[in-house]
Amino acid sequence: MSARLVASVVASSLFLGTVAPAFADDTAQPAAKKSETYEERDARQRARMDGWILVGIGGASALIAVGTSIFMLHDKSVRDDNCDANKVCSSAGLSANNELGQLV
């Protein structure tokens, strides 16, 4: 039970001597279902479809960004292993440096 319901029942029994219904809305009849027009339904479905398209584009972009980042981290590691502090690199270091430039 929710705290609000419990508080309502306790207050009713203390002040009124009897337990009254907690909420007047509990006994109300459900509202009649509103029928929507074709234009409203079409607009709602179009908005939902546009949302899913944007989610798909965002997900694909995220996957591409993660893949590119993994390649860049690998090339940076190869470059760091094959180049010294004086920036003299072996052929593998130069190749990794070129690949980094292309990925960026």
C-alpha atoms as a PDB file:
ATOM      1  CA  MET A   1       0.000   0.000   0.000  1.00  0.00           C
ATOM      2  CA  SER A   2       1.149   3.474  -0.653  1.00  0.00           C
ATOM      3  CA  ALA A   3       1.881   5.826   2.222  1.00  0.00           C
ATOM      4  CA  ARG A   4      -0.802   8.211   1.021  1.00  0.00           C
ATOM      5  CA  LEU A   5      -3.464   5.518   1.112  1.00  0.00           C
ATOM      6  CA  VAL A   6      -2.458   4.366   4.590  1.00  0.00           C
ATOM      7  CA  ALA A   7      -2.438   7.951   5.890  1.00  0.00           C
ATOM      8  CA  SER A   8      -5.885   8.553   4.417  1.00  0.00           C
ATOM      9  CA  VAL A   9      -7.368   5.434   6.013  1.00  0.00           C
ATOM     10  CA  VAL A  10      -5.800   6.190   9.407  1.00  0.00           C
ATOM     11  CA  ALA A  11      -6.976   9.799   9.337  1.00  0.00           C
ATOM     12  CA  SER A  12     -10.495   8.731   8.329  1.00  0.00           C
ATOM     13  CA  SER A  13     -10.799   6.210  11.097  1.00  0.00           C
ATOM     14  CA  LEU A  14      -9.405   8.573  13.739  1.00  0.00           C
ATOM     15  CA  PHE A  15     -11.455  11.632  12.887  1.00  0.00           C
ATOM     16  CA  LEU A  16     -14.650  10.130  11.515  1.00  0.00           C
ATOM     17  CA  GLY A  17     -14.827   6.936  13.508  1.00  0.00           C
ATOM     18  CA  THR A  18     -15.313   4.921  10.318  1.00  0.00           C
ATOM     19  CA  VAL A  19     -13.184   4.079   7.328  1.00  0.00           C
ATOM     20  CA  ALA A  20     -14.153   6.196   4.337  1.00  0.00           C
ATOM     21  CA  PRO A  21     -13.032   5.479   0.778  1.00  0.00           C
ATOM     22  CA  ALA A  22      -9.441   6.638   0.370  1.00  0.00           C
ATOM     23  CA  PHE A  23      -9.926   8.351  -2.965  1.00  0.00           C
ATOM     24  CA  ALA A  24     -13.082   9.499  -4.662  1.00  0.00           C
ATOM     25  CA  ASP A  25     -11.530   8.648  -8.047  1.00  0.00           C
ATOM     26  CA  ASP A  26     -11.365   4.941  -7.181  1.00  0.00           C
ATOM     27  CA  THR A  27     -15.106   4.540  -7.684  1.00  0.00           C
ATOM     28  CA  ALA A  28     -15.370   6.699 -10.810  1.00  0.00           C
ATOM     29  CA  GLN A  29     -16.249   5.097 -14.115  1.00  0.00           C
ATOM     30  CA  PRO A  30     -13.491   5.024 -16.730  1.00  0.00           C
ATOM     31  CA  ALA A  31     -13.714   7.831 -19.261  1.00  0.00           C
ATOM     32  CA  ALA A  32     -14.984   7.009 -22.711  1.00  0.00           C
ATOM     33  CA  LYS A  33     -12.192   6.304 -25.181  1.00  0.00           C
ATOM     34  CA  LYS A  34     -11.680   9.163 -27.606  1.00  0.00           C
ATOM     35  CA  SER A  35     -11.413   8.092 -31.191  1.00  0.00           C
ATOM     36  CA  GLU A  36      -8.641   9.795 -33.074  1.00  0.00           C
ATOM     37  CA  THR A  37      -8.869  11.121 -36.584  1.00  0.00           C
ATOM     38  CA  TYR A  38      -6.846   9.762 -39.466  1.00  0.00           C
ATOM     39  CA  GLU A  39      -4.597  12.832 -39.434  1.00  0.00           C
ATOM     40  CA  GLU A  40      -3.865  12.475 -35.704  1.00  0.00           C
ATOM     41  CA  ARG A  41      -3.073   8.794 -36.076  1.00  0.00           C
ATOM     42  CA  ASP A  42      -0.882   9.431 -39.108  1.00  0.00           C
ATOM     43  CA  ALA A  43       1.018  12.209 -37.318  1.00  0.00           C
ATOM     44  CA  ARG A  44       1.562  10.009 -34.249  1.00  0.00           C
ATOM     45  CA  GLN A  45       2.843   7.085 -36.304  1.00  0.00           C
ATOM     46  CA  ARG A  46       5.061   9.376 -38.396  1.00  0.00           C
ATOM     47  CA  ALA A  47       6.637  10.868 -35.267  1.00  0.00           C
ATOM     48  CA  ARG A  48       7.270   7.389 -33.862  1.00  0.00           C
ATOM     49  CA  MET A  49       8.851   6.223 -37.126  1.00  0.00           C
ATOM     50  CA  ASP A  50      11.051   9.335 -37.307  1.00  0.00           C
ATOM     51  CA  GLY A  51      12.191   8.699 -33.752  1.00  0.00           C
ATOM     52  CA  TRP A  52      13.206   5.116 -34.520  1.00  0.00           C
ATOM     53  CA  ILE A  53      15.049   6.241 -37.650  1.00  0.00           C
ATOM     54  CA  LEU A  54      17.030   8.749 -35.585  1.00  0.00           C
ATOM     55  CA  VAL A  55      17.815   6.095 -32.969  1.00  0.00           C
ATOM     56  CA  GLY A  56      19.138   3.821 -35.734  1.00  0.00           C
ATOM     57  CA  ILE A  57      21.290   6.553 -37.249  1.00  0.00           C
ATOM     58  CA  GLY A  58      22.668   7.448 -33.813  1.00  0.00           C
ATOM     59  CA  GLY A  59      23.458   3.808 -33.036  1.00  0.00           C
ATOM     60  CA  ALA A  60      25.254   3.311 -36.347  1.00  0.00           C
ATOM     61  CA  SER A  61      27.249   6.494 -35.785  1.00  0.00           C
ATOM     62  CA  ALA A  62      28.244   5.325 -32.320  1.00  0.00           C
ATOM     63  CA  LEU A  63      29.451   1.980 -33.676  1.00  0.00           C
ATOM     64  CA  ILE A  64      31.528   3.699 -36.361  1.00  0.00           C
ATOM     65  CA  ALA A  65      33.038   6.053 -33.765  1.00  0.00           C
ATOM     66  CA  VAL A  66      33.949   3.170 -31.447  1.00  0.00           C
ATOM     67  CA  GLY A  67      35.499   1.176 -34.311  1.00  0.00           C
ATOM     68  CA  THR A  68      37.536   4.131 -35.520  1.00  0.00           C
ATOM     69  CA  SER A  69      38.727   4.849 -31.983  1.00  0.00           C
ATOM     70  CA  ILE A  70      39.906   1.251 -31.554  1.00  0.00           C
ATOM     71  CA  PHE A  71      41.903   1.449 -34.792  1.00  0.00           C
ATOM     72  CA  MET A  72      43.411   4.781 -33.751  1.00  0.00           C
ATOM     73  CA  LEU A  73      44.452   3.453 -30.334  1.00  0.00           C
ATOM     74  CA  HIS A  74      46.088   0.439 -31.964  1.00  0.00           C
ATOM     75  CA  ASP A  75      47.995   2.609 -34.462  1.00  0.00           C
ATOM     76  CA  LYS A  76      49.102   4.952 -31.665  1.00  0.00           C
ATOM     77  CA  SER A  77      50.404   1.982 -29.692  1.00  0.00           C
ATOM     78  CA  VAL A  78      52.361   0.713 -32.729  1.00  0.00           C
ATOM     79  CA  ARG A  79      53.757   4.197 -33.357  1.00  0.00           C
ATOM     80  CA  ASP A  80      54.806   4.623 -29.712  1.00  0.00           C
ATOM     81  CA  ASP A  81      56.528   1.219 -29.711  1.00  0.00           C
ATOM     82  CA  ASN A  82      58.430   1.896 -32.949  1.00  0.00           C
ATOM     83  CA  CYS A  83      59.481   5.520 -32.422  1.00  0.00           C
ATOM     84  CA  ASP A  84      61.969   6.870 -29.903  1.00  0.00           C
ATOM     85  CA  ALA A  85      62.113  10.147 -27.955  1.00  0.00           C
ATOM     86  CA  ASN A  86      63.918  11.899 -30.831  1.00  0.00           C
ATOM     87  CA  LYS A  87      60.989  11.086 -33.142  1.00  0.00           C
ATOM     88  CA  VAL A  88      63.060   8.619 -35.159  1.00  0.00           C
ATOM     89  CA  CYS A  89      60.749   5.847 -36.322  1.00  0.00           C
ATOM     90  CA  SER A  90      61.121   2.472 -37.965  1.00  0.00           C
ATOM     91  CA  SER A  91      59.075   1.588 -41.028  1.00  0.00           C
ATOM     92  CA  ALA A  92      56.274   0.147 -38.856  1.00  0.00           C
ATOM     93  CA  GLY A  93      56.157   3.392 -36.838  1.00  0.00           C
ATOM     94  CA  LEU A  94      55.991   5.509 -39.999  1.00  0.00           C
ATOM     95  CA  SER A  95      53.254   3.306 -41.415  1.00  0.00           C
ATOM     96  CA  ALA A  96      51.217   3.577 -38.189  1.00  0.00           C
ATOM     97  CA  ASN A  97      51.739   7.356 -38.191  1.00  0.00           C
ATOM     98  CA  ASN A  98      50.400   7.600 -41.754  1.00  0.00           C
ATOM     99  CA  GLU A  99      47.383   5.440 -40.894  1.00  0.00           C
ATOM    100  CA  LEU A 100      46.646   7.675 -37.903  1.00  0.00           C
ATOM    101  CA  GLY A 101      46.686  10.720 -40.159  1.00  0.00           C
ATOM    102  CA  GLN A 102      44.287   9.062 -42.578  1.00  0.00           C
ATOM    103  CA  LEU A 103      41.870   7.979 -39.844  1.00  0.00           C
ATOM    104  CA  VAL A 104      41.764  11.436 -38.314  1.00  0.00           C
END
